[in-house]
Structures are given as structure tokens and as C-alpha cells.
N, C-alpha and C. Protein backbone atom coordinates (compact mmCIF):
# COMPACT_ATOMS: atom_id res chain seq x y z
N MET A 1 90.46 10.66 115.34
CA MET A 1 89.61 10.65 114.17
C MET A 1 90.14 9.61 113.21
N GLU A 2 89.30 8.74 112.77
CA GLU A 2 89.68 7.69 111.84
C GLU A 2 89.60 8.23 110.42
N SER A 3 90.58 7.90 109.62
CA SER A 3 90.57 8.32 108.23
C SER A 3 89.89 7.24 107.39
N ASN A 4 89.23 7.66 106.33
CA ASN A 4 88.61 6.71 105.41
C ASN A 4 89.58 6.31 104.31
N GLY A 5 90.86 6.51 104.53
CA GLY A 5 91.89 6.21 103.55
C GLY A 5 92.21 7.41 102.67
N THR A 6 91.42 8.45 102.75
CA THR A 6 91.64 9.66 101.98
C THR A 6 92.58 10.58 102.75
N LYS A 7 93.52 11.17 102.02
CA LYS A 7 94.42 12.11 102.66
C LYS A 7 93.60 13.25 103.26
N GLY A 8 93.82 13.54 104.52
CA GLY A 8 93.05 14.56 105.20
C GLY A 8 93.69 15.93 105.13
N LEU A 9 93.02 16.87 105.73
CA LEU A 9 93.50 18.24 105.84
C LEU A 9 93.63 18.57 107.32
N ALA A 10 94.81 18.98 107.73
CA ALA A 10 95.06 19.41 109.11
C ALA A 10 95.29 20.91 109.09
N ILE A 11 94.48 21.63 109.86
CA ILE A 11 94.59 23.09 109.92
C ILE A 11 95.03 23.48 111.32
N VAL A 12 96.18 24.13 111.41
CA VAL A 12 96.62 24.72 112.66
C VAL A 12 96.14 26.17 112.59
N LEU A 13 95.14 26.48 113.39
CA LEU A 13 94.50 27.79 113.34
C LEU A 13 94.98 28.62 114.52
N PHE A 14 95.80 29.61 114.20
CA PHE A 14 96.44 30.47 115.19
C PHE A 14 95.74 31.83 115.27
N SER A 15 95.30 32.33 114.14
CA SER A 15 94.74 33.67 114.06
C SER A 15 93.31 33.71 114.56
N GLY A 16 92.93 34.82 115.15
CA GLY A 16 91.57 34.99 115.65
C GLY A 16 90.83 36.12 114.98
N THR A 17 91.29 36.56 113.80
CA THR A 17 90.57 37.62 113.09
C THR A 17 89.58 36.99 112.11
N ASP A 18 88.48 37.70 111.87
CA ASP A 18 87.41 37.15 111.05
C ASP A 18 87.86 36.78 109.63
N ASP A 19 88.77 37.55 109.04
CA ASP A 19 89.21 37.22 107.69
C ASP A 19 89.93 35.86 107.65
N LYS A 20 90.79 35.62 108.62
CA LYS A 20 91.53 34.36 108.64
C LYS A 20 90.68 33.20 109.15
N LEU A 21 89.79 33.46 110.09
CA LEU A 21 88.86 32.43 110.54
C LEU A 21 87.96 31.99 109.39
N THR A 22 87.51 32.96 108.60
CA THR A 22 86.68 32.65 107.43
C THR A 22 87.46 31.81 106.42
N ALA A 23 88.70 32.20 106.15
CA ALA A 23 89.52 31.45 105.19
C ALA A 23 89.70 30.00 105.65
N ALA A 24 89.96 29.82 106.93
CA ALA A 24 90.17 28.47 107.46
C ALA A 24 88.90 27.63 107.38
N THR A 25 87.76 28.24 107.68
CA THR A 25 86.52 27.47 107.67
C THR A 25 86.07 27.16 106.24
N VAL A 26 86.39 28.02 105.29
CA VAL A 26 86.09 27.72 103.89
C VAL A 26 86.94 26.53 103.43
N LEU A 27 88.21 26.51 103.80
CA LEU A 27 89.07 25.36 103.48
C LEU A 27 88.53 24.09 104.11
N ALA A 28 88.15 24.18 105.37
CA ALA A 28 87.63 23.01 106.07
C ALA A 28 86.35 22.49 105.42
N SER A 29 85.45 23.40 105.05
CA SER A 29 84.20 22.95 104.45
C SER A 29 84.42 22.38 103.06
N GLY A 30 85.35 22.94 102.32
CA GLY A 30 85.67 22.38 101.00
C GLY A 30 86.23 20.98 101.10
N ALA A 31 87.15 20.77 102.03
CA ALA A 31 87.72 19.43 102.23
C ALA A 31 86.66 18.44 102.71
N ALA A 32 85.81 18.88 103.62
CA ALA A 32 84.75 18.01 104.13
C ALA A 32 83.79 17.62 103.01
N ALA A 33 83.47 18.59 102.14
CA ALA A 33 82.56 18.31 101.02
C ALA A 33 83.15 17.30 100.05
N LEU A 34 84.48 17.27 99.97
CA LEU A 34 85.16 16.30 99.11
C LEU A 34 85.39 14.96 99.79
N GLY A 35 84.93 14.83 101.01
CA GLY A 35 85.08 13.57 101.74
C GLY A 35 86.42 13.42 102.43
N ARG A 36 87.18 14.50 102.51
CA ARG A 36 88.48 14.45 103.19
C ARG A 36 88.28 14.73 104.68
N PRO A 37 88.86 13.91 105.54
CA PRO A 37 88.77 14.21 106.97
C PRO A 37 89.55 15.49 107.29
N VAL A 38 89.00 16.27 108.21
CA VAL A 38 89.61 17.55 108.58
C VAL A 38 89.88 17.54 110.08
N ARG A 39 91.08 17.96 110.44
CA ARG A 39 91.45 18.13 111.84
C ARG A 39 91.86 19.59 112.01
N VAL A 40 91.34 20.23 113.05
CA VAL A 40 91.66 21.64 113.32
C VAL A 40 92.23 21.73 114.74
N LEU A 41 93.37 22.39 114.87
CA LEU A 41 93.95 22.66 116.18
C LEU A 41 93.87 24.16 116.42
N LEU A 42 93.16 24.54 117.46
CA LEU A 42 92.98 25.95 117.81
C LEU A 42 94.08 26.39 118.77
N GLN A 43 94.86 27.37 118.35
CA GLN A 43 95.91 27.91 119.20
C GLN A 43 95.70 29.41 119.40
N TYR A 44 96.19 29.91 120.49
CA TYR A 44 96.24 31.33 120.82
C TYR A 44 94.97 32.09 120.48
N TRP A 45 95.02 33.02 119.51
CA TRP A 45 93.90 33.92 119.26
C TRP A 45 92.72 33.19 118.63
N ALA A 46 92.97 32.13 117.90
CA ALA A 46 91.85 31.34 117.37
C ALA A 46 91.10 30.69 118.52
N LEU A 47 91.83 30.21 119.50
CA LEU A 47 91.20 29.59 120.66
C LEU A 47 90.31 30.61 121.37
N GLU A 48 90.80 31.82 121.51
CA GLU A 48 90.02 32.88 122.15
C GLU A 48 88.75 33.17 121.35
N ALA A 49 88.83 33.12 120.02
CA ALA A 49 87.66 33.38 119.18
C ALA A 49 86.60 32.29 119.32
N PHE A 50 86.99 31.10 119.74
CA PHE A 50 86.06 29.98 119.91
C PHE A 50 85.46 29.91 121.31
N MET A 51 85.73 30.91 122.13
CA MET A 51 85.09 30.93 123.44
C MET A 51 83.60 31.17 123.24
N LYS A 52 82.77 30.43 123.97
CA LYS A 52 81.33 30.45 123.70
C LYS A 52 80.70 31.82 123.85
N ASP A 53 81.28 32.69 124.67
CA ASP A 53 80.72 34.03 124.81
C ASP A 53 81.27 35.03 123.79
N ARG A 54 82.17 34.57 122.90
CA ARG A 54 82.80 35.47 121.93
C ARG A 54 82.69 35.00 120.49
N ILE A 55 82.24 33.79 120.26
CA ILE A 55 82.31 33.20 118.92
C ILE A 55 81.55 33.99 117.87
N GLU A 56 80.44 34.60 118.23
CA GLU A 56 79.62 35.35 117.26
C GLU A 56 80.01 36.83 117.17
N LYS A 57 80.97 37.27 117.96
CA LYS A 57 81.35 38.68 117.97
C LYS A 57 82.24 39.03 116.78
N ASP A 58 82.40 40.31 116.54
CA ASP A 58 83.27 40.84 115.50
C ASP A 58 84.71 40.69 115.98
N HIS A 59 85.52 39.95 115.24
CA HIS A 59 86.92 39.74 115.60
C HIS A 59 87.86 40.57 114.72
N GLY A 60 87.29 41.44 113.91
CA GLY A 60 88.10 42.33 113.10
C GLY A 60 88.82 41.63 111.97
N ALA A 61 89.73 42.36 111.36
CA ALA A 61 90.54 41.85 110.25
C ALA A 61 92.00 41.89 110.67
N SER A 62 92.81 41.10 110.00
CA SER A 62 94.23 41.06 110.32
C SER A 62 94.88 42.42 110.04
N ALA A 63 95.99 42.67 110.69
CA ALA A 63 96.67 43.97 110.58
C ALA A 63 97.03 44.29 109.13
N GLU A 64 97.45 43.28 108.36
CA GLU A 64 97.84 43.55 106.98
C GLU A 64 96.66 43.97 106.11
N ALA A 65 95.43 43.74 106.57
CA ALA A 65 94.25 44.17 105.81
C ALA A 65 94.09 45.68 105.85
N GLY A 66 94.56 46.30 106.92
CA GLY A 66 94.45 47.75 107.05
C GLY A 66 93.00 48.19 107.23
N ILE A 67 92.80 49.48 107.28
CA ILE A 67 91.46 50.05 107.47
C ILE A 67 90.55 49.68 106.30
N GLU A 68 91.10 49.76 105.07
CA GLU A 68 90.30 49.45 103.89
C GLU A 68 89.87 47.98 103.90
N GLY A 69 90.77 47.11 104.29
CA GLY A 69 90.46 45.68 104.33
C GLY A 69 89.39 45.37 105.36
N HIS A 70 89.45 46.04 106.50
CA HIS A 70 88.44 45.84 107.52
C HIS A 70 87.07 46.31 107.01
N ALA A 71 87.05 47.45 106.34
CA ALA A 71 85.80 47.97 105.78
C ALA A 71 85.26 47.01 104.71
N TRP A 72 86.14 46.49 103.90
CA TRP A 72 85.75 45.55 102.84
C TRP A 72 85.16 44.29 103.46
N LEU A 73 85.78 43.80 104.52
CA LEU A 73 85.29 42.61 105.22
C LEU A 73 83.89 42.86 105.78
N ARG A 74 83.68 44.01 106.40
CA ARG A 74 82.36 44.34 106.95
C ARG A 74 81.31 44.48 105.85
N LYS A 75 81.73 45.05 104.70
CA LYS A 75 80.80 45.19 103.57
C LYS A 75 80.34 43.81 103.10
N GLY A 76 81.22 42.83 103.17
CA GLY A 76 80.87 41.47 102.75
C GLY A 76 79.77 40.86 103.59
N THR A 77 79.61 41.32 104.82
CA THR A 77 78.56 40.76 105.68
C THR A 77 77.18 41.22 105.25
N GLU A 78 77.12 42.23 104.37
CA GLU A 78 75.84 42.74 103.88
C GLU A 78 75.38 42.04 102.61
N VAL A 79 76.21 41.19 102.04
CA VAL A 79 75.87 40.48 100.81
C VAL A 79 74.82 39.42 101.11
N PRO A 80 73.77 39.34 100.28
CA PRO A 80 72.76 38.29 100.50
C PRO A 80 73.42 36.91 100.55
N GLY A 81 73.02 36.12 101.51
CA GLY A 81 73.58 34.78 101.66
C GLY A 81 74.84 34.72 102.52
N TYR A 82 75.27 35.89 103.02
CA TYR A 82 76.45 35.91 103.89
C TYR A 82 76.24 34.94 105.06
N GLN A 83 77.32 34.27 105.40
CA GLN A 83 77.28 33.33 106.51
C GLN A 83 78.50 33.56 107.39
N HIS A 84 78.31 33.71 108.68
CA HIS A 84 79.41 33.89 109.64
C HIS A 84 80.30 32.65 109.58
N TRP A 85 81.59 32.84 109.81
CA TRP A 85 82.54 31.73 109.72
C TRP A 85 82.17 30.59 110.65
N SER A 86 81.61 30.88 111.80
CA SER A 86 81.26 29.81 112.73
C SER A 86 80.13 28.94 112.17
N GLN A 87 79.21 29.55 111.45
CA GLN A 87 78.13 28.79 110.82
C GLN A 87 78.68 27.93 109.67
N THR A 88 79.61 28.46 108.91
CA THR A 88 80.24 27.68 107.85
C THR A 88 80.90 26.44 108.44
N LEU A 89 81.56 26.60 109.56
CA LEU A 89 82.22 25.46 110.20
C LEU A 89 81.21 24.47 110.76
N ARG A 90 80.13 24.96 111.32
CA ARG A 90 79.09 24.05 111.82
C ARG A 90 78.51 23.21 110.68
N LEU A 91 78.29 23.85 109.53
CA LEU A 91 77.76 23.12 108.38
C LEU A 91 78.78 22.12 107.84
N ALA A 92 80.05 22.48 107.86
CA ALA A 92 81.10 21.55 107.42
C ALA A 92 81.07 20.30 108.29
N ARG A 93 80.82 20.46 109.57
CA ARG A 93 80.75 19.32 110.49
C ARG A 93 79.53 18.44 110.19
N GLU A 94 78.50 19.02 109.61
CA GLU A 94 77.32 18.24 109.25
C GLU A 94 77.54 17.42 107.98
N ILE A 95 78.35 17.94 107.06
CA ILE A 95 78.54 17.24 105.78
C ILE A 95 79.75 16.33 105.75
N GLY A 96 80.65 16.47 106.70
CA GLY A 96 81.86 15.67 106.65
C GLY A 96 82.47 15.46 108.02
N GLU A 97 83.63 14.87 107.98
CA GLU A 97 84.36 14.51 109.19
C GLU A 97 85.29 15.67 109.57
N VAL A 98 84.87 16.47 110.54
CA VAL A 98 85.65 17.64 110.99
C VAL A 98 85.82 17.54 112.50
N ASP A 99 87.06 17.42 112.92
CA ASP A 99 87.40 17.30 114.34
C ASP A 99 88.12 18.57 114.78
N ILE A 100 87.62 19.22 115.82
CA ILE A 100 88.19 20.48 116.30
C ILE A 100 88.73 20.26 117.70
N GLN A 101 90.02 20.53 117.87
CA GLN A 101 90.69 20.36 119.15
C GLN A 101 91.30 21.68 119.62
N ALA A 102 91.19 21.94 120.90
CA ALA A 102 91.82 23.10 121.51
C ALA A 102 93.23 22.71 121.94
N CYS A 103 94.18 23.57 121.68
CA CYS A 103 95.57 23.33 122.07
C CYS A 103 95.70 23.40 123.60
N ALA A 104 96.19 22.33 124.18
CA ALA A 104 96.31 22.25 125.64
C ALA A 104 97.21 23.37 126.19
N LEU A 105 98.33 23.65 125.54
CA LEU A 105 99.24 24.68 126.01
C LEU A 105 98.58 26.06 125.96
N SER A 106 97.90 26.37 124.86
CA SER A 106 97.22 27.67 124.75
C SER A 106 96.15 27.82 125.82
N MET A 107 95.46 26.73 126.11
CA MET A 107 94.43 26.78 127.15
C MET A 107 95.05 27.09 128.51
N ASP A 108 96.18 26.46 128.78
CA ASP A 108 96.88 26.73 130.04
C ASP A 108 97.36 28.18 130.11
N LEU A 109 97.92 28.67 129.00
CA LEU A 109 98.44 30.05 128.97
C LEU A 109 97.34 31.08 129.20
N PHE A 110 96.16 30.85 128.63
CA PHE A 110 95.05 31.79 128.75
C PHE A 110 94.15 31.50 129.95
N GLY A 111 94.37 30.40 130.64
CA GLY A 111 93.51 30.05 131.77
C GLY A 111 92.10 29.68 131.33
N ILE A 112 92.00 29.03 130.17
CA ILE A 112 90.71 28.65 129.60
C ILE A 112 90.43 27.19 129.92
N THR A 113 89.17 26.88 130.22
CA THR A 113 88.76 25.48 130.42
C THR A 113 87.88 25.06 129.24
N LYS A 114 87.69 23.78 129.09
CA LYS A 114 86.83 23.25 128.02
C LYS A 114 85.43 23.84 128.13
N ASP A 115 84.95 24.08 129.33
CA ASP A 115 83.62 24.66 129.54
C ASP A 115 83.51 26.09 129.01
N ASP A 116 84.64 26.78 128.84
CA ASP A 116 84.63 28.15 128.32
C ASP A 116 84.44 28.18 126.80
N LEU A 117 84.61 27.04 126.15
CA LEU A 117 84.62 26.98 124.69
C LEU A 117 83.26 26.61 124.12
N ASP A 118 83.04 27.03 122.89
CA ASP A 118 81.83 26.66 122.18
C ASP A 118 81.75 25.12 122.09
N PRO A 119 80.55 24.56 122.19
CA PRO A 119 80.41 23.09 122.15
C PRO A 119 80.92 22.45 120.85
N MET A 120 81.13 23.25 119.82
CA MET A 120 81.67 22.71 118.56
C MET A 120 83.10 22.19 118.75
N VAL A 121 83.80 22.66 119.77
CA VAL A 121 85.16 22.19 120.05
C VAL A 121 85.04 20.80 120.68
N ASP A 122 85.65 19.82 120.01
CA ASP A 122 85.50 18.42 120.42
C ASP A 122 86.31 18.03 121.64
N GLY A 123 87.45 18.65 121.83
CA GLY A 123 88.28 18.26 122.96
C GLY A 123 89.53 19.11 123.07
N VAL A 124 90.43 18.64 123.90
CA VAL A 124 91.70 19.33 124.15
C VAL A 124 92.82 18.36 123.78
N GLU A 125 93.81 18.87 123.06
CA GLU A 125 94.87 18.01 122.57
C GLU A 125 96.19 18.76 122.58
N GLY A 126 97.25 18.03 122.83
CA GLY A 126 98.59 18.62 122.76
C GLY A 126 99.08 18.64 121.32
N VAL A 127 100.09 19.45 121.07
CA VAL A 127 100.64 19.60 119.73
C VAL A 127 101.18 18.27 119.20
N VAL A 128 101.90 17.54 120.03
CA VAL A 128 102.48 16.27 119.58
C VAL A 128 101.38 15.30 119.16
N SER A 129 100.33 15.20 119.95
CA SER A 129 99.21 14.32 119.60
C SER A 129 98.56 14.75 118.29
N PHE A 130 98.40 16.05 118.11
CA PHE A 130 97.80 16.57 116.87
C PHE A 130 98.67 16.21 115.67
N ILE A 131 99.96 16.41 115.78
CA ILE A 131 100.87 16.11 114.67
C ILE A 131 100.86 14.61 114.36
N LEU A 132 100.91 13.79 115.39
CA LEU A 132 100.88 12.34 115.17
C LEU A 132 99.57 11.90 114.52
N ALA A 133 98.47 12.44 114.96
CA ALA A 133 97.16 12.08 114.41
C ALA A 133 96.98 12.60 112.98
N SER A 134 97.75 13.61 112.61
CA SER A 134 97.65 14.22 111.28
C SER A 134 98.70 13.70 110.31
N GLU A 135 99.44 12.68 110.71
CA GLU A 135 100.50 12.15 109.87
C GLU A 135 99.97 11.76 108.49
N GLY A 136 100.62 12.26 107.46
CA GLY A 136 100.21 11.99 106.08
C GLY A 136 99.18 12.95 105.54
N ASP A 137 98.62 13.80 106.40
CA ASP A 137 97.63 14.78 105.96
C ASP A 137 98.33 16.03 105.44
N GLN A 138 97.65 16.77 104.61
CA GLN A 138 98.13 18.07 104.18
C GLN A 138 97.92 19.03 105.35
N MET A 139 98.96 19.75 105.75
CA MET A 139 98.86 20.64 106.90
C MET A 139 99.03 22.09 106.47
N VAL A 140 98.11 22.94 106.95
CA VAL A 140 98.21 24.37 106.70
C VAL A 140 98.18 25.10 108.03
N PHE A 141 98.83 26.25 108.06
CA PHE A 141 98.92 27.08 109.26
C PHE A 141 98.31 28.43 108.94
N ILE A 142 97.28 28.80 109.67
CA ILE A 142 96.61 30.09 109.42
C ILE A 142 96.58 30.88 110.72
């Protein structure tokens, strides 16, 4: 991904729960709206959440959210204008430069192929390549 000279945002997305996926996609869409290039590396449970047969499913809330947090998250889906995290990310890709890569090691560990993933995933990349391509960008781990 070529940068327009603007410091980008690199998101290492490890979690596969809806609360953290939502947080990551809101960050990505905000950066894209500001014209910042965004790179996302999907690892482990995030990679599993991006499988084309699972992307729209309920992925729950993180353990620290507890039962109340999970209920609160579900209540949020009833708010007018609610948008699933995957739709937020699709829209971010329409308004800005958002590159999504699947972690090669995680794919090997889970036995996942590129064909198993939602078409929104641009490719497969190793960690070293991701870090080198993200040099100078702000990096967050979710």
C-alpha cells in the first residue's frame, strides 16, 4: 500500500469478539475519513471472524465485558442506525485507503486458505512484511 505522505494507522487485530472488532473498525474508518492510510493484519481469532461463512455471525463480547457487557453490546444492535462492524469496515474501504491482510502464520495454524476468507481481505502477509510496510505508522494492537 502506497502512502500519500500522511502517517498511517497500522492495526494488528488479534481479537475476534464483536466489541473489539467494532472498536478496531471504528478506528480504521476514522483514520480513513481523515485521509490516513490504514493497514490491518488479522491474526488468530480476528482471522477466524473474517471467514466468509462467519463474518456476519455473533462473535460475542470479550471476557472482561462479563455477562452485563455482552447484554449491553446486544442492546446496542437495537439502536436505530446500528451498523455491524463488517459493514463499518466495508464503508471505510470505500472512503479511504484500507488494506486488510491475513497473517500467514495464523492461516497455517488454523488450516485456513484465502478462499475461506471474506473477499474484503486483500491478501496474505507475514508479520515481518506487515511491520516493514507499516514503518513510521502509528500501530495499535487489539
